[in-house]
Amino acid sequence: MKRILPIFIAFVCACPSEQVVVREVPNECGNGEVEADEECDDGNTVASDDCT
């Protein structure tokens, strides 16, 4: 048992932790979500409707 414990500890320490992946997605007009630099977004791509 004394031989297994150091091997187990080394194995646990060698395992990578969780990684968080962050992707930057460009803003998309007309997707129905208000994103940065948008005052409103009504879900269509008509630029002249002023989000009505």
PDB file of N, CA and C in Angstrom:
ATOM      1  N   MET A   1       0.820  -1.198   0.000  1.00  0.00           N
ATOM      2  CA  MET A   1       0.000   0.000   0.000  1.00  0.00           C
ATOM      3  C   MET A   1       0.860   1.257   0.000  1.00  0.00           C
ATOM      4  N   LYS A   2       1.998   1.209   0.681  1.00  0.00           N
ATOM      5  CA  LYS A   2       2.879   2.374   0.741  1.00  0.00           C
ATOM      6  C   LYS A   2       3.467   2.703  -0.624  1.00  0.00           C
ATOM      7  N   ARG A   3       3.603   1.722  -1.482  1.00  0.00           N
ATOM      8  CA  ARG A   3       4.136   1.966  -2.825  1.00  0.00           C
ATOM      9  C   ARG A   3       3.070   2.560  -3.741  1.00  0.00           C
ATOM     10  N   ILE A   4       1.837   2.207  -3.526  1.00  0.00           N
ATOM     11  CA  ILE A   4       0.755   2.671  -4.394  1.00  0.00           C
ATOM     12  C   ILE A   4       0.411   4.132  -4.133  1.00  0.00           C
ATOM     13  N   LEU A   5       0.495   4.576  -2.894  1.00  0.00           N
ATOM     14  CA  LEU A   5       0.103   5.941  -2.549  1.00  0.00           C
ATOM     15  C   LEU A   5       0.913   6.995  -3.302  1.00  0.00           C
ATOM     16  N   PRO A   6       2.245   6.930  -3.363  1.00  0.00           N
ATOM     17  CA  PRO A   6       2.978   7.943  -4.147  1.00  0.00           C
ATOM     18  C   PRO A   6       2.639   7.908  -5.639  1.00  0.00           C
ATOM     19  N   ILE A   7       2.395   6.734  -6.169  1.00  0.00           N
ATOM     20  CA  ILE A   7       2.020   6.622  -7.579  1.00  0.00           C
ATOM     21  C   ILE A   7       0.649   7.258  -7.797  1.00  0.00           C
ATOM     22  N   PHE A   8      -0.280   6.997  -6.884  1.00  0.00           N
ATOM     23  CA  PHE A   8      -1.614   7.585  -6.985  1.00  0.00           C
ATOM     24  C   PHE A   8      -1.546   9.109  -6.884  1.00  0.00           C
ATOM     25  N   ILE A   9      -0.765   9.626  -5.957  1.00  0.00           N
ATOM     26  CA  ILE A   9      -0.626  11.084  -5.797  1.00  0.00           C
ATOM     27  C   ILE A   9      -0.006  11.696  -7.047  1.00  0.00           C
ATOM     28  N   ALA A  10       1.003  11.062  -7.613  1.00  0.00           N
ATOM     29  CA  ALA A  10       1.627  11.565  -8.837  1.00  0.00           C
ATOM     30  C   ALA A  10       0.630  11.553  -9.995  1.00  0.00           C
ATOM     31  N   PHE A  11      -0.184  10.529 -10.074  1.00  0.00           N
ATOM     32  CA  PHE A  11      -1.195  10.439 -11.134  1.00  0.00           C
ATOM     33  C   PHE A  11      -2.229  11.549 -10.998  1.00  0.00           C
ATOM     34  N   VAL A  12      -2.699  11.789  -9.785  1.00  0.00           N
ATOM     35  CA  VAL A  12      -3.704  12.825  -9.553  1.00  0.00           C
ATOM     36  C   VAL A  12      -3.130  14.208  -9.866  1.00  0.00           C
ATOM     37  N   CYS A  13      -1.894  14.453  -9.492  1.00  0.00           N
ATOM     38  CA  CYS A  13      -1.269  15.755  -9.762  1.00  0.00           C
ATOM     39  C   CYS A  13      -0.987  15.961 -11.246  1.00  0.00           C
ATOM     40  N   ALA A  14      -0.801  14.888 -11.981  1.00  0.00           N
ATOM     41  CA  ALA A  14      -0.489  14.999 -13.405  1.00  0.00           C
ATOM     42  C   ALA A  14      -1.729  15.212 -14.263  1.00  0.00           C
ATOM     43  N   CYS A  15      -2.904  14.945 -13.736  1.00  0.00           N
ATOM     44  CA  CYS A  15      -4.141  15.115 -14.501  1.00  0.00           C
ATOM     45  C   CYS A  15      -4.435  16.600 -14.676  1.00  0.00           C
ATOM     46  N   PRO A  16      -4.725  17.019 -15.889  1.00  0.00           N
ATOM     47  CA  PRO A  16      -5.018  18.440 -16.109  1.00  0.00           C
ATOM     48  C   PRO A  16      -6.363  18.822 -15.509  1.00  0.00           C
ATOM     49  N   SER A  17      -6.451  20.065 -15.084  1.00  0.00           N
ATOM     50  CA  SER A  17      -7.725  20.562 -14.575  1.00  0.00           C
ATOM     51  C   SER A  17      -8.599  20.987 -15.752  1.00  0.00           C
ATOM     52  N   GLU A  18      -9.834  21.380 -15.461  1.00  0.00           N
ATOM     53  CA  GLU A  18     -10.739  21.810 -16.522  1.00  0.00           C
ATOM     54  C   GLU A  18     -10.230  23.082 -17.175  1.00  0.00           C
ATOM     55  N   GLN A  19     -10.421  23.187 -18.454  1.00  0.00           N
ATOM     56  CA  GLN A  19     -10.023  24.376 -19.188  1.00  0.00           C
ATOM     57  C   GLN A  19     -11.266  25.096 -19.679  1.00  0.00           C
ATOM     58  N   VAL A  20     -11.230  26.408 -19.589  1.00  0.00           N
ATOM     59  CA  VAL A  20     -12.333  27.226 -20.069  1.00  0.00           C
ATOM     60  C   VAL A  20     -11.911  27.855 -21.384  1.00  0.00           C
ATOM     61  N   VAL A  21     -12.703  27.650 -22.422  1.00  0.00           N
ATOM     62  CA  VAL A  21     -12.410  28.197 -23.739  1.00  0.00           C
ATOM     63  C   VAL A  21     -13.360  29.363 -23.987  1.00  0.00           C
ATOM     64  N   VAL A  22     -12.792  30.522 -24.270  1.00  0.00           N
ATOM     65  CA  VAL A  22     -13.595  31.713 -24.533  1.00  0.00           C
ATOM     66  C   VAL A  22     -13.398  32.098 -25.989  1.00  0.00           C
ATOM     67  N   ARG A  23     -14.500  32.165 -26.721  1.00  0.00           N
ATOM     68  CA  ARG A  23     -14.435  32.578 -28.115  1.00  0.00           C
ATOM     69  C   ARG A  23     -15.051  33.955 -28.241  1.00  0.00           C
ATOM     70  N   GLU A  24     -14.423  34.802 -29.006  1.00  0.00           N
ATOM     71  CA  GLU A  24     -15.005  36.099 -29.289  1.00  0.00           C
ATOM     72  C   GLU A  24     -15.784  35.995 -30.591  1.00  0.00           C
ATOM     73  N   VAL A  25     -17.085  36.181 -30.498  1.00  0.00           N
ATOM     74  CA  VAL A  25     -17.969  36.088 -31.649  1.00  0.00           C
ATOM     75  C   VAL A  25     -18.358  37.507 -32.046  1.00  0.00           C
ATOM     76  N   PRO A  26     -18.213  37.864 -33.315  1.00  0.00           N
ATOM     77  CA  PRO A  26     -18.577  39.224 -33.731  1.00  0.00           C
ATOM     78  C   PRO A  26     -20.070  39.475 -33.553  1.00  0.00           C
ATOM     79  N   ASN A  27     -20.410  40.737 -33.282  1.00  0.00           N
ATOM     80  CA  ASN A  27     -21.815  41.114 -33.154  1.00  0.00           C
ATOM     81  C   ASN A  27     -22.536  40.865 -34.467  1.00  0.00           C
ATOM     82  N   GLU A  28     -23.787  40.459 -34.370  1.00  0.00           N
ATOM     83  CA  GLU A  28     -24.573  40.153 -35.558  1.00  0.00           C
ATOM     84  C   GLU A  28     -25.888  40.923 -35.495  1.00  0.00           C
ATOM     85  N   CYS A  29     -26.092  41.780 -36.463  1.00  0.00           N
ATOM     86  CA  CYS A  29     -27.328  42.548 -36.531  1.00  0.00           C
ATOM     87  C   CYS A  29     -28.459  41.653 -37.025  1.00  0.00           C
ATOM     88  N   GLY A  30     -29.602  41.751 -36.366  1.00  0.00           N
ATOM     89  CA  GLY A  30     -30.765  40.987 -36.804  1.00  0.00           C
ATOM     90  C   GLY A  30     -30.903  39.629 -36.164  1.00  0.00           C
ATOM     91  N   ASN A  31     -30.139  39.348 -35.108  1.00  0.00           N
ATOM     92  CA  ASN A  31     -30.262  38.044 -34.460  1.00  0.00           C
ATOM     93  C   ASN A  31     -31.239  38.053 -33.289  1.00  0.00           C
ATOM     94  N   GLY A  32     -31.837  39.212 -32.986  1.00  0.00           N
ATOM     95  CA  GLY A  32     -32.817  39.293 -31.914  1.00  0.00           C
ATOM     96  C   GLY A  32     -32.228  39.479 -30.536  1.00  0.00           C
ATOM     97  N   GLU A  33     -30.908  39.641 -30.435  1.00  0.00           N
ATOM     98  CA  GLU A  33     -30.246  39.845 -29.152  1.00  0.00           C
ATOM     99  C   GLU A  33     -29.530  41.185 -29.173  1.00  0.00           C
ATOM    100  N   VAL A  34     -29.750  41.999 -28.145  1.00  0.00           N
ATOM    101  CA  VAL A  34     -29.058  43.282 -28.048  1.00  0.00           C
ATOM    102  C   VAL A  34     -27.636  42.997 -27.580  1.00  0.00           C
ATOM    103  N   GLU A  35     -26.675  43.362 -28.406  1.00  0.00           N
ATOM    104  CA  GLU A  35     -25.266  43.116 -28.109  1.00  0.00           C
ATOM    105  C   GLU A  35     -24.547  44.450 -27.989  1.00  0.00           C
ATOM    106  N   ALA A  36     -23.253  44.412 -27.730  1.00  0.00           N
ATOM    107  CA  ALA A  36     -22.463  45.634 -27.578  1.00  0.00           C
ATOM    108  C   ALA A  36     -22.621  46.520 -28.804  1.00  0.00           C
ATOM    109  N   ASP A  37     -22.693  47.805 -28.589  1.00  0.00           N
ATOM    110  CA  ASP A  37     -22.826  48.815 -29.644  1.00  0.00           C
ATOM    111  C   ASP A  37     -24.172  48.761 -30.368  1.00  0.00           C
ATOM    112  N   GLU A  38     -25.170  48.087 -29.821  1.00  0.00           N
ATOM    113  CA  GLU A  38     -26.513  48.077 -30.402  1.00  0.00           C
ATOM    114  C   GLU A  38     -27.476  48.699 -29.395  1.00  0.00           C
ATOM    115  N   GLU A  39     -28.342  49.568 -29.867  1.00  0.00           N
ATOM    116  CA  GLU A  39     -29.375  50.123 -28.995  1.00  0.00           C
ATOM    117  C   GLU A  39     -30.562  49.181 -28.906  1.00  0.00           C
ATOM    118  N   CYS A  40     -30.842  48.492 -30.005  1.00  0.00           N
ATOM    119  CA  CYS A  40     -31.942  47.533 -30.037  1.00  0.00           C
ATOM    120  C   CYS A  40     -31.685  46.544 -31.165  1.00  0.00           C
ATOM    121  N   ASP A  41     -32.401  45.433 -31.139  1.00  0.00           N
ATOM    122  CA  ASP A  41     -32.287  44.420 -32.186  1.00  0.00           C
ATOM    123  C   ASP A  41     -33.617  43.687 -32.254  1.00  0.00           C
ATOM    124  N   ASP A  42     -34.370  43.937 -33.325  1.00  0.00           N
ATOM    125  CA  ASP A  42     -35.712  43.370 -33.419  1.00  0.00           C
ATOM    126  C   ASP A  42     -35.772  42.057 -34.195  1.00  0.00           C
ATOM    127  N   GLY A  43     -34.642  41.537 -34.584  1.00  0.00           N
ATOM    128  CA  GLY A  43     -34.630  40.228 -35.224  1.00  0.00           C
ATOM    129  C   GLY A  43     -34.671  40.245 -36.728  1.00  0.00           C
ATOM    130  N   ASN A  44     -34.613  41.429 -37.358  1.00  0.00           N
ATOM    131  CA  ASN A  44     -34.545  41.455 -38.817  1.00  0.00           C
ATOM    132  C   ASN A  44     -33.343  42.285 -39.247  1.00  0.00           C
ATOM    133  N   THR A  45     -33.001  42.211 -40.507  1.00  0.00           N
ATOM    134  CA  THR A  45     -31.807  42.903 -41.003  1.00  0.00           C
ATOM    135  C   THR A  45     -32.125  44.190 -41.733  1.00  0.00           C
ATOM    136  N   VAL A  46     -33.340  44.721 -41.592  1.00  0.00           N
ATOM    137  CA  VAL A  46     -33.718  45.982 -42.222  1.00  0.00           C
ATOM    138  C   VAL A  46     -33.120  47.113 -41.399  1.00  0.00           C
ATOM    139  N   ALA A  47     -32.164  47.831 -41.979  1.00  0.00           N
ATOM    140  CA  ALA A  47     -31.451  48.862 -41.226  1.00  0.00           C
ATOM    141  C   ALA A  47     -32.264  50.134 -41.037  1.00  0.00           C
ATOM    142  N   SER A  48     -33.261  50.374 -41.867  1.00  0.00           N
ATOM    143  CA  SER A  48     -33.991  51.644 -41.820  1.00  0.00           C
ATOM    144  C   SER A  48     -35.269  51.592 -40.988  1.00  0.00           C
ATOM    145  N   ASP A  49     -35.534  50.494 -40.279  1.00  0.00           N
ATOM    146  CA  ASP A  49     -36.796  50.407 -39.540  1.00  0.00           C
ATOM    147  C   ASP A  49     -36.697  50.904 -38.098  1.00  0.00           C
ATOM    148  N   ASP A  50     -35.528  51.313 -37.660  1.00  0.00           N
ATOM    149  CA  ASP A  50     -35.311  51.866 -36.315  1.00  0.00           C
ATOM    150  C   ASP A  50     -35.833  50.945 -35.212  1.00  0.00           C
ATOM    151  N   CYS A  51     -35.723  49.664 -35.396  1.00  0.00           N
ATOM    152  CA  CYS A  51     -36.103  48.661 -34.393  1.00  0.00           C
ATOM    153  C   CYS A  51     -37.549  48.780 -33.949  1.00  0.00           C
ATOM    154  N   THR A  52     -38.457  49.004 -34.873  1.00  0.00           N
ATOM    155  CA  THR A  52     -39.872  49.082 -34.494  1.00  0.00           C
ATOM    156  C   THR A  52     -40.559  47.760 -34.731  1.00  0.00           C
TER     157      THR A  52
END
